[in-house]
Amino acid sequence: MTKKEICQQYIQLLEKGATAQLIDLFTENAIVDSPIYGLMPASKFYRNLASDTINSELKLLGIFEENDGDSIALYFNFKWTLKTNQLVDFDVVDIIKFDDQHKIIHLKIIYDTVVARGLVKQLAS
């Protein structure tokens, strides 16, 4: 698969909450850098996300790829229903870095956390 096809698959799996299949897209030591969950191994991040989520609806708005690089930026809308039944709706950019086998080695998530941060904080209470 091409990097672009892997990104499209990533969006589909994220929307379905298919944690094991999502983790399979990453290298064993891959890192996710999230504004809410912080910096952590991809496997831990997606398990945490799944445990906090009832439903996700994603709409891909764009894929931006370096011509000769190893990174792609995904721009999408994320309607995230937390386990408290609260909805967080935001646009997000994921910057994905690949190894030479087209496995994800690093993912940086960028979005405005004003609403999400408070709601996710309530989950821990």
PDB file of N, CA and C in Angstrom:
ATOM      1  N   MET A   1       0.828  -1.191   0.000  1.00  0.00           N
ATOM      2  CA  MET A   1       0.000   0.000   0.000  1.00  0.00           C
ATOM      3  C   MET A   1       0.872   1.254   0.000  1.00  0.00           C
ATOM      4  N   THR A   2       0.365   2.290  -0.613  1.00  0.00           N
ATOM      5  CA  THR A   2       1.069   3.570  -0.584  1.00  0.00           C
ATOM      6  C   THR A   2       0.825   4.249   0.762  1.00  0.00           C
ATOM      7  N   LYS A   3       1.622   5.261   1.059  1.00  0.00           N
ATOM      8  CA  LYS A   3       1.432   6.015   2.296  1.00  0.00           C
ATOM      9  C   LYS A   3       0.047   6.674   2.310  1.00  0.00           C
ATOM     10  N   LYS A   4      -0.374   7.174   1.175  1.00  0.00           N
ATOM     11  CA  LYS A   4      -1.695   7.820   1.087  1.00  0.00           C
ATOM     12  C   LYS A   4      -2.807   6.809   1.371  1.00  0.00           C
ATOM     13  N   GLU A   5      -2.696   5.608   0.843  1.00  0.00           N
ATOM     14  CA  GLU A   5      -3.697   4.564   1.100  1.00  0.00           C
ATOM     15  C   GLU A   5      -3.705   4.164   2.576  1.00  0.00           C
ATOM     16  N   ILE A   6      -2.543   4.127   3.195  1.00  0.00           N
ATOM     17  CA  ILE A   6      -2.456   3.817   4.620  1.00  0.00           C
ATOM     18  C   ILE A   6      -3.152   4.913   5.426  1.00  0.00           C
ATOM     19  N   CYS A   7      -2.982   6.149   5.026  1.00  0.00           N
ATOM     20  CA  CYS A   7      -3.651   7.263   5.710  1.00  0.00           C
ATOM     21  C   CYS A   7      -5.176   7.161   5.579  1.00  0.00           C
ATOM     22  N   GLN A   8      -5.652   6.801   4.401  1.00  0.00           N
ATOM     23  CA  GLN A   8      -7.092   6.629   4.212  1.00  0.00           C
ATOM     24  C   GLN A   8      -7.607   5.480   5.079  1.00  0.00           C
ATOM     25  N   GLN A   9      -6.835   4.407   5.161  1.00  0.00           N
ATOM     26  CA  GLN A   9      -7.200   3.284   6.010  1.00  0.00           C
ATOM     27  C   GLN A   9      -7.178   3.708   7.482  1.00  0.00           C
ATOM     28  N   TYR A  10      -6.205   4.499   7.861  1.00  0.00           N
ATOM     29  CA  TYR A  10      -6.106   5.018   9.225  1.00  0.00           C
ATOM     30  C   TYR A  10      -7.392   5.744   9.618  1.00  0.00           C
ATOM     31  N   ILE A  11      -7.868   6.628   8.752  1.00  0.00           N
ATOM     32  CA  ILE A  11      -9.095   7.396   9.021  1.00  0.00           C
ATOM     33  C   ILE A  11     -10.282   6.446   9.200  1.00  0.00           C
ATOM     34  N   GLN A  12     -10.403   5.450   8.328  1.00  0.00           N
ATOM     35  CA  GLN A  12     -11.508   4.488   8.416  1.00  0.00           C
ATOM     36  C   GLN A  12     -11.445   3.694   9.720  1.00  0.00           C
ATOM     37  N   LEU A  13     -10.263   3.225  10.085  1.00  0.00           N
ATOM     38  CA  LEU A  13     -10.102   2.437  11.309  1.00  0.00           C
ATOM     39  C   LEU A  13     -10.340   3.282  12.555  1.00  0.00           C
ATOM     40  N   LEU A  14      -9.884   4.532  12.526  1.00  0.00           N
ATOM     41  CA  LEU A  14     -10.096   5.433  13.657  1.00  0.00           C
ATOM     42  C   LEU A  14     -11.592   5.672  13.861  1.00  0.00           C
ATOM     43  N   GLU A  15     -12.296   5.859  12.780  1.00  0.00           N
ATOM     44  CA  GLU A  15     -13.741   6.084  12.873  1.00  0.00           C
ATOM     45  C   GLU A  15     -14.462   4.852  13.443  1.00  0.00           C
ATOM     46  N   LYS A  16     -14.031   3.677  13.041  1.00  0.00           N
ATOM     47  CA  LYS A  16     -14.648   2.432  13.512  1.00  0.00           C
ATOM     48  C   LYS A  16     -14.231   2.079  14.937  1.00  0.00           C
ATOM     49  N   GLY A  17     -13.176   2.697  15.440  1.00  0.00           N
ATOM     50  CA  GLY A  17     -12.663   2.336  16.757  1.00  0.00           C
ATOM     51  C   GLY A  17     -11.967   0.985  16.749  1.00  0.00           C
ATOM     52  N   ALA A  18     -11.383   0.643  15.617  1.00  0.00           N
ATOM     53  CA  ALA A  18     -10.712  -0.651  15.437  1.00  0.00           C
ATOM     54  C   ALA A  18      -9.286  -0.561  15.987  1.00  0.00           C
ATOM     55  N   THR A  19      -9.174  -0.612  17.294  1.00  0.00           N
ATOM     56  CA  THR A  19      -7.907  -0.360  17.989  1.00  0.00           C
ATOM     57  C   THR A  19      -6.775  -1.279  17.534  1.00  0.00           C
ATOM     58  N   ALA A  20      -7.014  -2.579  17.497  1.00  0.00           N
ATOM     59  CA  ALA A  20      -5.940  -3.521  17.130  1.00  0.00           C
ATOM     60  C   ALA A  20      -5.445  -3.267  15.712  1.00  0.00           C
ATOM     61  N   GLN A  21      -6.359  -3.024  14.785  1.00  0.00           N
ATOM     62  CA  GLN A  21      -5.961  -2.768  13.395  1.00  0.00           C
ATOM     63  C   GLN A  21      -5.232  -1.427  13.267  1.00  0.00           C
ATOM     64  N   LEU A  22      -5.651  -0.439  14.048  1.00  0.00           N
ATOM     65  CA  LEU A  22      -4.952   0.850  14.056  1.00  0.00           C
ATOM     66  C   LEU A  22      -3.509   0.663  14.508  1.00  0.00           C
ATOM     67  N   ILE A  23      -3.333  -0.043  15.602  1.00  0.00           N
ATOM     68  CA  ILE A  23      -2.001  -0.258  16.155  1.00  0.00           C
ATOM     69  C   ILE A  23      -1.117  -1.003  15.152  1.00  0.00           C
ATOM     70  N   ASP A  24      -1.707  -1.871  14.350  1.00  0.00           N
ATOM     71  CA  ASP A  24      -0.948  -2.606  13.335  1.00  0.00           C
ATOM     72  C   ASP A  24      -0.341  -1.693  12.259  1.00  0.00           C
ATOM     73  N   LEU A  25      -0.874  -0.491  12.104  1.00  0.00           N
ATOM     74  CA  LEU A  25      -0.332   0.451  11.118  1.00  0.00           C
ATOM     75  C   LEU A  25       0.973   1.088  11.598  1.00  0.00           C
ATOM     76  N   PHE A  26       1.292   0.930  12.883  1.00  0.00           N
ATOM     77  CA  PHE A  26       2.433   1.569  13.514  1.00  0.00           C
ATOM     78  C   PHE A  26       3.578   0.581  13.736  1.00  0.00           C
ATOM     79  N   THR A  27       4.784   1.120  13.836  1.00  0.00           N
ATOM     80  CA  THR A  27       5.914   0.296  14.256  1.00  0.00           C
ATOM     81  C   THR A  27       5.739  -0.022  15.741  1.00  0.00           C
ATOM     82  N   GLU A  28       6.487  -0.991  16.212  1.00  0.00           N
ATOM     83  CA  GLU A  28       6.384  -1.410  17.613  1.00  0.00           C
ATOM     84  C   GLU A  28       6.691  -0.274  18.591  1.00  0.00           C
ATOM     85  N   ASN A  29       7.624   0.601  18.229  1.00  0.00           N
ATOM     86  CA  ASN A  29       8.048   1.687  19.119  1.00  0.00           C
ATOM     87  C   ASN A  29       7.469   3.053  18.733  1.00  0.00           C
ATOM     88  N   ALA A  30       6.414   3.062  17.930  1.00  0.00           N
ATOM     89  CA  ALA A  30       5.833   4.322  17.451  1.00  0.00           C
ATOM     90  C   ALA A  30       5.299   5.159  18.612  1.00  0.00           C
ATOM     91  N   ILE A  31       5.354   6.462  18.408  1.00  0.00           N
ATOM     92  CA  ILE A  31       4.925   7.434  19.415  1.00  0.00           C
ATOM     93  C   ILE A  31       3.803   8.295  18.842  1.00  0.00           C
ATOM     94  N   VAL A  32       2.823   8.585  19.697  1.00  0.00           N
ATOM     95  CA  VAL A  32       1.768   9.544  19.363  1.00  0.00           C
ATOM     96  C   VAL A  32       1.936  10.739  20.297  1.00  0.00           C
ATOM     97  N   ASP A  33       1.870  11.930  19.732  1.00  0.00           N
ATOM     98  CA  ASP A  33       1.958  13.179  20.483  1.00  0.00           C
ATOM     99  C   ASP A  33       0.609  13.872  20.376  1.00  0.00           C
ATOM    100  N   SER A  34      -0.172  13.802  21.449  1.00  0.00           N
ATOM    101  CA  SER A  34      -1.539  14.319  21.476  1.00  0.00           C
ATOM    102  C   SER A  34      -1.635  15.514  22.421  1.00  0.00           C
ATOM    103  N   PRO A  35      -2.374  16.567  22.045  1.00  0.00           N
ATOM    104  CA  PRO A  35      -2.509  17.715  22.945  1.00  0.00           C
ATOM    105  C   PRO A  35      -3.298  17.395  24.218  1.00  0.00           C
ATOM    106  N   ILE A  36      -4.096  16.345  24.212  1.00  0.00           N
ATOM    107  CA  ILE A  36      -4.881  15.957  25.389  1.00  0.00           C
ATOM    108  C   ILE A  36      -4.191  14.856  26.191  1.00  0.00           C
ATOM    109  N   TYR A  37      -3.741  13.804  25.519  1.00  0.00           N
ATOM    110  CA  TYR A  37      -3.184  12.645  26.205  1.00  0.00           C
ATOM    111  C   TYR A  37      -1.670  12.719  26.406  1.00  0.00           C
ATOM    112  N   GLY A  38      -1.022  13.649  25.733  1.00  0.00           N
ATOM    113  CA  GLY A  38       0.423  13.792  25.863  1.00  0.00           C
ATOM    114  C   GLY A  38       1.190  12.882  24.909  1.00  0.00           C
ATOM    115  N   LEU A  39       2.450  12.694  25.211  1.00  0.00           N
ATOM    116  CA  LEU A  39       3.360  11.885  24.405  1.00  0.00           C
ATOM    117  C   LEU A  39       3.377  10.472  24.967  1.00  0.00           C
ATOM    118  N   MET A  40       3.023   9.466  24.136  1.00  0.00           N
ATOM    119  CA  MET A  40       2.990   8.087  24.624  1.00  0.00           C
ATOM    120  C   MET A  40       3.091   7.099  23.473  1.00  0.00           C
ATOM    121  N   PRO A  41       3.392   5.838  23.800  1.00  0.00           N
ATOM    122  CA  PRO A  41       3.411   4.811  22.757  1.00  0.00           C
ATOM    123  C   PRO A  41       2.049   4.725  22.059  1.00  0.00           C
ATOM    124  N   ALA A  42       2.071   4.484  20.752  1.00  0.00           N
ATOM    125  CA  ALA A  42       0.835   4.420  19.969  1.00  0.00           C
ATOM    126  C   ALA A  42      -0.142   3.404  20.543  1.00  0.00           C
ATOM    127  N   SER A  43       0.352   2.243  20.947  1.00  0.00           N
ATOM    128  CA  SER A  43      -0.546   1.205  21.472  1.00  0.00           C
ATOM    129  C   SER A  43      -1.299   1.703  22.706  1.00  0.00           C
ATOM    130  N   LYS A  44      -0.618   2.405  23.597  1.00  0.00           N
ATOM    131  CA  LYS A  44      -1.268   2.937  24.801  1.00  0.00           C
ATOM    132  C   LYS A  44      -2.247   4.056  24.436  1.00  0.00           C
ATOM    133  N   PHE A  45      -1.858   4.934  23.532  1.00  0.00           N
ATOM    134  CA  PHE A  45      -2.716   6.043  23.129  1.00  0.00           C
ATOM    135  C   PHE A  45      -4.054   5.526  22.586  1.00  0.00           C
ATOM    136  N   TYR A  46      -4.004   4.574  21.661  1.00  0.00           N
ATOM    137  CA  TYR A  46      -5.250   4.117  21.033  1.00  0.00           C
ATOM    138  C   TYR A  46      -6.122   3.313  21.997  1.00  0.00           C
ATOM    139  N   ARG A  47      -5.506   2.638  22.953  1.00  0.00           N
ATOM    140  CA  ARG A  47      -6.299   1.952  23.991  1.00  0.00           C
ATOM    141  C   ARG A  47      -6.980   2.977  24.898  1.00  0.00           C
ATOM    142  N   ASN A  48      -6.255   4.028  25.274  1.00  0.00           N
ATOM    143  CA  ASN A  48      -6.842   5.097  26.094  1.00  0.00           C
ATOM    144  C   ASN A  48      -7.975   5.794  25.352  1.00  0.00           C
ATOM    145  N   LEU A  49      -7.736   6.113  24.104  1.00  0.00           N
ATOM    146  CA  LEU A  49      -8.757   6.768  23.297  1.00  0.00           C
ATOM    147  C   LEU A  49     -10.009   5.903  23.200  1.00  0.00           C
ATOM    148  N   ALA A  50      -9.826   4.616  22.945  1.00  0.00           N
ATOM    149  CA  ALA A  50     -10.970   3.700  22.830  1.00  0.00           C
ATOM    150  C   ALA A  50     -11.757   3.632  24.132  1.00  0.00           C
ATOM    151  N   SER A  51     -11.065   3.629  25.259  1.00  0.00           N
ATOM    152  CA  SER A  51     -11.777   3.526  26.532  1.00  0.00           C
ATOM    153  C   SER A  51     -12.550   4.802  26.867  1.00  0.00           C
ATOM    154  N   ASP A  52     -12.180   5.931  26.274  1.00  0.00           N
ATOM    155  CA  ASP A  52     -12.868   7.202  26.515  1.00  0.00           C
ATOM    156  C   ASP A  52     -13.946   7.508  25.473  1.00  0.00           C
ATOM    157  N   THR A  53     -14.124   6.625  24.497  1.00  0.00           N
ATOM    158  CA  THR A  53     -14.955   6.918  23.332  1.00  0.00           C
ATOM    159  C   THR A  53     -16.152   5.984  23.214  1.00  0.00           C
ATOM    160  N   ILE A  54     -17.322   6.578  22.919  1.00  0.00           N
ATOM    161  CA  ILE A  54     -18.505   5.797  22.562  1.00  0.00           C
ATOM    162  C   ILE A  54     -18.616   5.701  21.042  1.00  0.00           C
ATOM    163  N   ASN A  55     -18.352   6.829  20.373  1.00  0.00           N
ATOM    164  CA  ASN A  55     -18.521   6.882  18.918  1.00  0.00           C
ATOM    165  C   ASN A  55     -17.611   7.951  18.327  1.00  0.00           C
ATOM    166  N   SER A  56     -17.204   7.721  17.087  1.00  0.00           N
ATOM    167  CA  SER A  56     -16.422   8.706  16.334  1.00  0.00           C
ATOM    168  C   SER A  56     -16.975   8.807  14.923  1.00  0.00           C
ATOM    169  N   GLU A  57     -17.098  10.024  14.453  1.00  0.00           N
ATOM    170  CA  GLU A  57     -17.443  10.272  13.053  1.00  0.00           C
ATOM    171  C   GLU A  57     -16.369  11.177  12.490  1.00  0.00           C
ATOM    172  N   LEU A  58     -15.734  10.724  11.411  1.00  0.00           N
ATOM    173  CA  LEU A  58     -14.651  11.489  10.814  1.00  0.00           C
ATOM    174  C   LEU A  58     -14.990  11.822   9.365  1.00  0.00           C
ATOM    175  N   LYS A  59     -14.635  13.022   8.967  1.00  0.00           N
ATOM    176  CA  LYS A  59     -14.787  13.435   7.572  1.00  0.00           C
ATOM    177  C   LYS A  59     -13.436  13.956   7.101  1.00  0.00           C
ATOM    178  N   LEU A  60     -12.821  13.215   6.183  1.00  0.00           N
ATOM    179  CA  LEU A  60     -11.526  13.605   5.642  1.00  0.00           C
ATOM    180  C   LEU A  60     -11.687  14.855   4.780  1.00  0.00           C
ATOM    181  N   LEU A  61     -10.901  15.882   5.073  1.00  0.00           N
ATOM    182  CA  LEU A  61     -10.971  17.149   4.347  1.00  0.00           C
ATOM    183  C   LEU A  61      -9.779  17.355   3.420  1.00  0.00           C
ATOM    184  N   GLY A  62      -8.695  16.613   3.646  1.00  0.00           N
ATOM    185  CA  GLY A  62      -7.527  16.747   2.781  1.00  0.00           C
ATOM    186  C   GLY A  62      -6.367  15.893   3.237  1.00  0.00           C
ATOM    187  N   ILE A  63      -5.552  15.496   2.269  1.00  0.00           N
ATOM    188  CA  ILE A  63      -4.304  14.769   2.527  1.00  0.00           C
ATOM    189  C   ILE A  63      -3.199  15.556   1.844  1.00  0.00           C
ATOM    190  N   PHE A  64      -2.180  15.906   2.602  1.00  0.00           N
ATOM    191  CA  PHE A  64      -1.086  16.721   2.089  1.00  0.00           C
ATOM    192  C   PHE A  64       0.208  15.937   2.245  1.00  0.00           C
ATOM    193  N   GLU A  65       0.844  15.630   1.114  1.00  0.00           N
ATOM    194  CA  GLU A  65       2.005  14.743   1.108  1.00  0.00           C
ATOM    195  C   GLU A  65       3.238  15.466   0.588  1.00  0.00           C
ATOM    196  N   GLU A  66       4.369  15.258   1.265  1.00  0.00           N
ATOM    197  CA  GLU A  66       5.639  15.771   0.769  1.00  0.00           C
ATOM    198  C   GLU A  66       5.996  15.014  -0.501  1.00  0.00           C
ATOM    199  N   ASN A  67       6.558  15.709  -1.472  1.00  0.00           N
ATOM    200  CA  ASN A  67       6.917  15.056  -2.729  1.00  0.00           C
ATOM    201  C   ASN A  67       7.922  13.928  -2.540  1.00  0.00           C
ATOM    202  N   ASP A  68       9.002  14.193  -1.858  1.00  0.00           N
ATOM    203  CA  ASP A  68      10.054  13.192  -1.673  1.00  0.00           C
ATOM    204  C   ASP A  68      10.355  12.961  -0.200  1.00  0.00           C
ATOM    205  N   GLY A  69       9.355  13.132   0.639  1.00  0.00           N
ATOM    206  CA  GLY A  69       9.586  13.001   2.073  1.00  0.00           C
ATOM    207  C   GLY A  69       8.910  11.781   2.654  1.00  0.00           C
ATOM    208  N   ASP A  70       8.947  11.715   3.973  1.00  0.00           N
ATOM    209  CA  ASP A  70       8.374  10.567   4.661  1.00  0.00           C
ATOM    210  C   ASP A  70       7.188  10.951   5.540  1.00  0.00           C
ATOM    211  N   SER A  71       6.634  12.161   5.308  1.00  0.00           N
ATOM    212  CA  SER A  71       5.521  12.629   6.128  1.00  0.00           C
ATOM    213  C   SER A  71       4.305  13.004   5.293  1.00  0.00           C
ATOM    214  N   ILE A  72       3.144  12.825   5.920  1.00  0.00           N
ATOM    215  CA  ILE A  72       1.859  13.210   5.332  1.00  0.00           C
ATOM    216  C   ILE A  72       1.066  13.916   6.422  1.00  0.00           C
ATOM    217  N   ALA A  73       0.318  14.948   6.037  1.00  0.00           N
ATOM    218  CA  ALA A  73      -0.593  15.620   6.958  1.00  0.00           C
ATOM    219  C   ALA A  73      -2.023  15.306   6.540  1.00  0.00           C
ATOM    220  N   LEU A  74      -2.810  14.864   7.502  1.00  0.00           N
ATOM    221  CA  LEU A  74      -4.232  14.596   7.283  1.00  0.00           C
ATOM    222  C   LEU A  74      -5.021  15.714   7.943  1.00  0.00           C
ATOM    223  N   TYR A  75      -5.983  16.252   7.205  1.00  0.00           N
ATOM    224  CA  TYR A  75      -6.860  17.291   7.733  1.00  0.00           C
ATOM    225  C   TYR A  75      -8.262  16.708   7.727  1.00  0.00           C
ATOM    226  N   PHE A  76      -8.889  16.643   8.913  1.00  0.00           N
ATOM    227  CA  PHE A  76     -10.218  16.053   8.983  1.00  0.00           C
ATOM    228  C   PHE A  76     -11.041  16.656  10.105  1.00  0.00           C
ATOM    229  N   ASN A  77     -12.352  16.456  10.011  1.00  0.00           N
ATOM    230  CA  ASN A  77     -13.267  16.835  11.073  1.00  0.00           C
ATOM    231  C   ASN A  77     -13.531  15.602  11.913  1.00  0.00           C
ATOM    232  N   PHE A  78     -13.531  15.788  13.226  1.00  0.00           N
ATOM    233  CA  PHE A  78     -13.699  14.691  14.172  1.00  0.00           C
ATOM    234  C   PHE A  78     -14.873  15.017  15.093  1.00  0.00           C
ATOM    235  N   LYS A  79     -15.925  14.239  14.967  1.00  0.00           N
ATOM    236  CA  LYS A  79     -17.044  14.317  15.895  1.00  0.00           C
ATOM    237  C   LYS A  79     -16.854  13.157  16.873  1.00  0.00           C
ATOM    238  N   TRP A  80     -16.449  13.495  18.089  1.00  0.00           N
ATOM    239  CA  TRP A  80     -16.019  12.523  19.083  1.00  0.00           C
ATOM    240  C   TRP A  80     -17.033  12.481  20.217  1.00  0.00           C
ATOM    241  N   THR A  81     -17.705  11.346  20.384  1.00  0.00           N
ATOM    242  CA  THR A  81     -18.643  11.187  21.489  1.00  0.00           C
ATOM    243  C   THR A  81     -17.923  10.455  22.617  1.00  0.00           C
ATOM    244  N   LEU A  82     -17.751  11.150  23.729  1.00  0.00           N
ATOM    245  CA  LEU A  82     -17.062  10.593  24.883  1.00  0.00           C
ATOM    246  C   LEU A  82     -17.953   9.592  25.608  1.00  0.00           C
ATOM    247  N   LYS A  83     -17.362   8.801  26.475  1.00  0.00           N
ATOM    248  CA  LYS A  83     -18.129   7.783  27.208  1.00  0.00           C
ATOM    249  C   LYS A  83     -19.166   8.399  28.138  1.00  0.00           C
ATOM    250  N   THR A  84     -19.091   9.720  28.356  1.00  0.00           N
ATOM    251  CA  THR A  84     -20.099  10.446  29.134  1.00  0.00           C
ATOM    252  C   THR A  84     -21.248  10.928  28.258  1.00  0.00           C
ATOM    253  N   ASN A  85     -21.224  10.553  26.997  1.00  0.00           N
ATOM    254  CA  ASN A  85     -22.223  10.950  25.998  1.00  0.00           C
ATOM    255  C   ASN A  85     -22.092  12.408  25.565  1.00  0.00           C
ATOM    256  N   GLN A  86     -21.010  13.067  25.912  1.00  0.00           N
ATOM    257  CA  GLN A  86     -20.778  14.437  25.484  1.00  0.00           C
ATOM    258  C   GLN A  86     -20.081  14.421  24.124  1.00  0.00           C
ATOM    259  N   LEU A  87     -20.493  15.338  23.252  1.00  0.00           N
ATOM    260  CA  LEU A  87     -19.933  15.421  21.904  1.00  0.00           C
ATOM    261  C   LEU A  87     -18.909  16.545  21.828  1.00  0.00           C
ATOM    262  N   VAL A  88     -17.758  16.215  21.258  1.00  0.00           N
ATOM    263  CA  VAL A  88     -16.723  17.202  20.964  1.00  0.00           C
ATOM    264  C   VAL A  88     -16.546  17.185  19.453  1.00  0.00           C
ATOM    265  N   ASP A  89     -16.723  18.332  18.814  1.00  0.00           N
ATOM    266  CA  ASP A  89     -16.651  18.443  17.358  1.00  0.00           C
ATOM    267  C   ASP A  89     -15.542  19.431  17.015  1.00  0.00           C
ATOM    268  N   PHE A  90     -14.500  18.959  16.297  1.00  0.00           N
ATOM    269  CA  PHE A  90     -13.374  19.839  15.997  1.00  0.00           C
ATOM    270  C   PHE A  90     -12.693  19.400  14.707  1.00  0.00           C
ATOM    271  N   ASP A  91     -11.973  20.335  14.112  1.00  0.00           N
ATOM    272  CA  ASP A  91     -11.100  20.027  12.988  1.00  0.00           C
ATOM    273  C   ASP A  91      -9.723  19.716  13.549  1.00  0.00           C
ATOM    274  N   VAL A  92      -9.045  18.771  12.912  1.00  0.00           N
ATOM    275  CA  VAL A  92      -7.764  18.296  13.411  1.00  0.00           C
ATOM    276  C   VAL A  92      -6.799  18.057  12.255  1.00  0.00           C
ATOM    277  N   VAL A  93      -5.530  18.219  12.528  1.00  0.00           N
ATOM    278  CA  VAL A  93      -4.474  17.857  11.586  1.00  0.00           C
ATOM    279  C   VAL A  93      -3.593  16.821  12.277  1.00  0.00           C
ATOM    280  N   ASP A  94      -3.434  15.687  11.631  1.00  0.00           N
ATOM    281  CA  ASP A  94      -2.502  14.656  12.096  1.00  0.00           C
ATOM    282  C   ASP A  94      -1.310  14.670  11.148  1.00  0.00           C
ATOM    283  N   ILE A  95      -0.127  14.833  11.694  1.00  0.00           N
ATOM    284  CA  ILE A  95       1.083  14.763  10.891  1.00  0.00           C
ATOM    285  C   ILE A  95       1.699  13.395  11.143  1.00  0.00           C
ATOM    286  N   ILE A  96       1.782  12.616  10.091  1.00  0.00           N
ATOM    287  CA  ILE A  96       2.203  11.220  10.184  1.00  0.00           C
ATOM    288  C   ILE A  96       3.565  11.058   9.525  1.00  0.00           C
ATOM    289  N   LYS A  97       4.497  10.475  10.278  1.00  0.00           N
ATOM    290  CA  LYS A  97       5.831  10.185   9.740  1.00  0.00           C
ATOM    291  C   LYS A  97       5.960   8.670   9.593  1.00  0.00           C
ATOM    292  N   PHE A  98       6.443   8.247   8.425  1.00  0.00           N
ATOM    293  CA  PHE A  98       6.572   6.829   8.085  1.00  0.00           C
ATOM    294  C   PHE A  98       8.030   6.384   8.079  1.00  0.00           C
ATOM    295  N   ASP A  99       8.229   5.075   8.312  1.00  0.00           N
ATOM    296  CA  ASP A  99       9.546   4.491   8.077  1.00  0.00           C
ATOM    297  C   ASP A  99       9.602   4.035   6.615  1.00  0.00           C
ATOM    298  N   ASP A 100      10.694   3.396   6.211  1.00  0.00           N
ATOM    299  CA  ASP A 100      10.825   2.996   4.806  1.00  0.00           C
ATOM    300  C   ASP A 100       9.971   1.785   4.443  1.00  0.00           C
ATOM    301  N   GLN A 101       9.302   1.167   5.419  1.00  0.00           N
ATOM    302  CA  GLN A 101       8.380   0.054   5.159  1.00  0.00           C
ATOM    303  C   GLN A 101       6.921   0.527   5.148  1.00  0.00           C
ATOM    304  N   HIS A 102       6.725   1.853   5.172  1.00  0.00           N
ATOM    305  CA  HIS A 102       5.398   2.473   5.212  1.00  0.00           C
ATOM    306  C   HIS A 102       4.637   2.144   6.489  1.00  0.00           C
ATOM    307  N   LYS A 103       5.367   1.994   7.583  1.00  0.00           N
ATOM    308  CA  LYS A 103       4.770   1.867   8.907  1.00  0.00           C
ATOM    309  C   LYS A 103       4.893   3.234   9.578  1.00  0.00           C
ATOM    310  N   ILE A 104       3.899   3.583  10.381  1.00  0.00           N
ATOM    311  CA  ILE A 104       3.912   4.873  11.061  1.00  0.00           C
ATOM    312  C   ILE A 104       4.868   4.799  12.258  1.00  0.00           C
ATOM    313  N   ILE A 105       5.793   5.757  12.318  1.00  0.00           N
ATOM    314  CA  ILE A 105       6.735   5.797  13.442  1.00  0.00           C
ATOM    315  C   ILE A 105       6.419   6.939  14.406  1.00  0.00           C
ATOM    316  N   HIS A 106       5.719   7.956  13.909  1.00  0.00           N
ATOM    317  CA  HIS A 106       5.372   9.098  14.760  1.00  0.00           C
ATOM    318  C   HIS A 106       4.113   9.752  14.226  1.00  0.00           C
ATOM    319  N   LEU A 107       3.228  10.121  15.138  1.00  0.00           N
ATOM    320  CA  LEU A 107       2.010  10.828  14.762  1.00  0.00           C
ATOM    321  C   LEU A 107       1.830  12.005  15.714  1.00  0.00           C
ATOM    322  N   LYS A 108       1.756  13.193  15.152  1.00  0.00           N
ATOM    323  CA  LYS A 108       1.519  14.407  15.953  1.00  0.00           C
ATOM    324  C   LYS A 108       0.124  14.909  15.632  1.00  0.00           C
ATOM    325  N   ILE A 109      -0.673  15.095  16.677  1.00  0.00           N
ATOM    326  CA  ILE A 109      -2.061  15.536  16.537  1.00  0.00           C
ATOM    327  C   ILE A 109      -2.134  17.009  16.916  1.00  0.00           C
ATOM    328  N   ILE A 110      -2.777  17.810  16.053  1.00  0.00           N
ATOM    329  CA  ILE A 110      -2.881  19.246  16.287  1.00  0.00           C
ATOM    330  C   ILE A 110      -4.344  19.660  16.179  1.00  0.00           C
ATOM    331  N   TYR A 111      -4.879  20.208  17.278  1.00  0.00           N
ATOM    332  CA  TYR A 111      -6.226  20.794  17.245  1.00  0.00           C
ATOM    333  C   TYR A 111      -6.426  21.687  18.455  1.00  0.00           C
ATOM    334  N   ASP A 112      -7.463  22.521  18.395  1.00  0.00           N
ATOM    335  CA  ASP A 112      -7.813  23.411  19.487  1.00  0.00           C
ATOM    336  C   ASP A 112      -8.481  22.583  20.583  1.00  0.00           C
ATOM    337  N   THR A 113      -7.915  22.588  21.774  1.00  0.00           N
ATOM    338  CA  THR A 113      -8.387  21.715  22.854  1.00  0.00           C
ATOM    339  C   THR A 113      -9.248  22.431  23.890  1.00  0.00           C
ATOM    340  N   VAL A 114      -9.679  23.646  23.614  1.00  0.00           N
ATOM    341  CA  VAL A 114     -10.414  24.417  24.612  1.00  0.00           C
ATOM    342  C   VAL A 114     -11.601  23.628  25.169  1.00  0.00           C
ATOM    343  N   VAL A 115     -12.426  23.063  24.318  1.00  0.00           N
ATOM    344  CA  VAL A 115     -13.601  22.306  24.756  1.00  0.00           C
ATOM    345  C   VAL A 115     -13.194  20.892  25.183  1.00  0.00           C
ATOM    346  N   ALA A 116     -12.430  20.215  24.358  1.00  0.00           N
ATOM    347  CA  ALA A 116     -12.087  18.812  24.597  1.00  0.00           C
ATOM    348  C   ALA A 116     -11.333  18.610  25.906  1.00  0.00           C
ATOM    349  N   ARG A 117     -10.411  19.484  26.235  1.00  0.00           N
ATOM    350  CA  ARG A 117      -9.581  19.305  27.421  1.00  0.00           C
ATOM    351  C   ARG A 117     -10.439  19.220  28.692  1.00  0.00           C
ATOM    352  N   GLY A 118     -11.382  20.103  28.840  1.00  0.00           N
ATOM    353  CA  GLY A 118     -12.240  20.079  30.029  1.00  0.00           C
ATOM    354  C   GLY A 118     -13.102  18.845  30.093  1.00  0.00           C
ATOM    355  N   LEU A 119     -13.654  18.420  28.965  1.00  0.00           N
ATOM    356  CA  LEU A 119     -14.521  17.235  28.944  1.00  0.00           C
ATOM    357  C   LEU A 119     -13.747  15.959  29.226  1.00  0.00           C
ATOM    358  N   VAL A 120     -12.552  15.833  28.654  1.00  0.00           N
ATOM    359  CA  VAL A 120     -11.740  14.645  28.892  1.00  0.00           C
ATOM    360  C   VAL A 120     -11.252  14.631  30.345  1.00  0.00           C
ATOM    361  N   LYS A 121     -10.964  15.798  30.895  1.00  0.00           N
ATOM    362  CA  LYS A 121     -10.536  15.880  32.294  1.00  0.00           C
ATOM    363  C   LYS A 121     -11.634  15.342  33.222  1.00  0.00           C
ATOM    364  N   GLN A 122     -12.890  15.598  32.866  1.00  0.00           N
ATOM    365  CA  GLN A 122     -14.013  15.097  33.664  1.00  0.00           C
ATOM    366  C   GLN A 122     -14.085  13.571  33.655  1.00  0.00           C
ATOM    367  N   LEU A 123     -13.586  12.929  32.617  1.00  0.00           N
ATOM    368  CA  LEU A 123     -13.609  11.466  32.535  1.00  0.00           C
ATOM    369  C   LEU A 123     -12.787  10.838  33.649  1.00  0.00           C
ATOM    370  N   ALA A 124     -11.715  11.505  34.045  1.00  0.00           N
ATOM    371  CA  ALA A 124     -10.827  10.973  35.081  1.00  0.00           C
ATOM    372  C   ALA A 124     -11.414  11.174  36.487  1.00  0.00           C
ATOM    373  N   SER A 125     -12.401  12.040  36.589  1.00  0.00           N
ATOM    374  CA  SER A 125     -12.997  12.341  37.910  1.00  0.00           C
ATOM    375  C   SER A 125     -13.875  11.245  38.422  1.00  0.00           C
TER     376      SER A 125
END
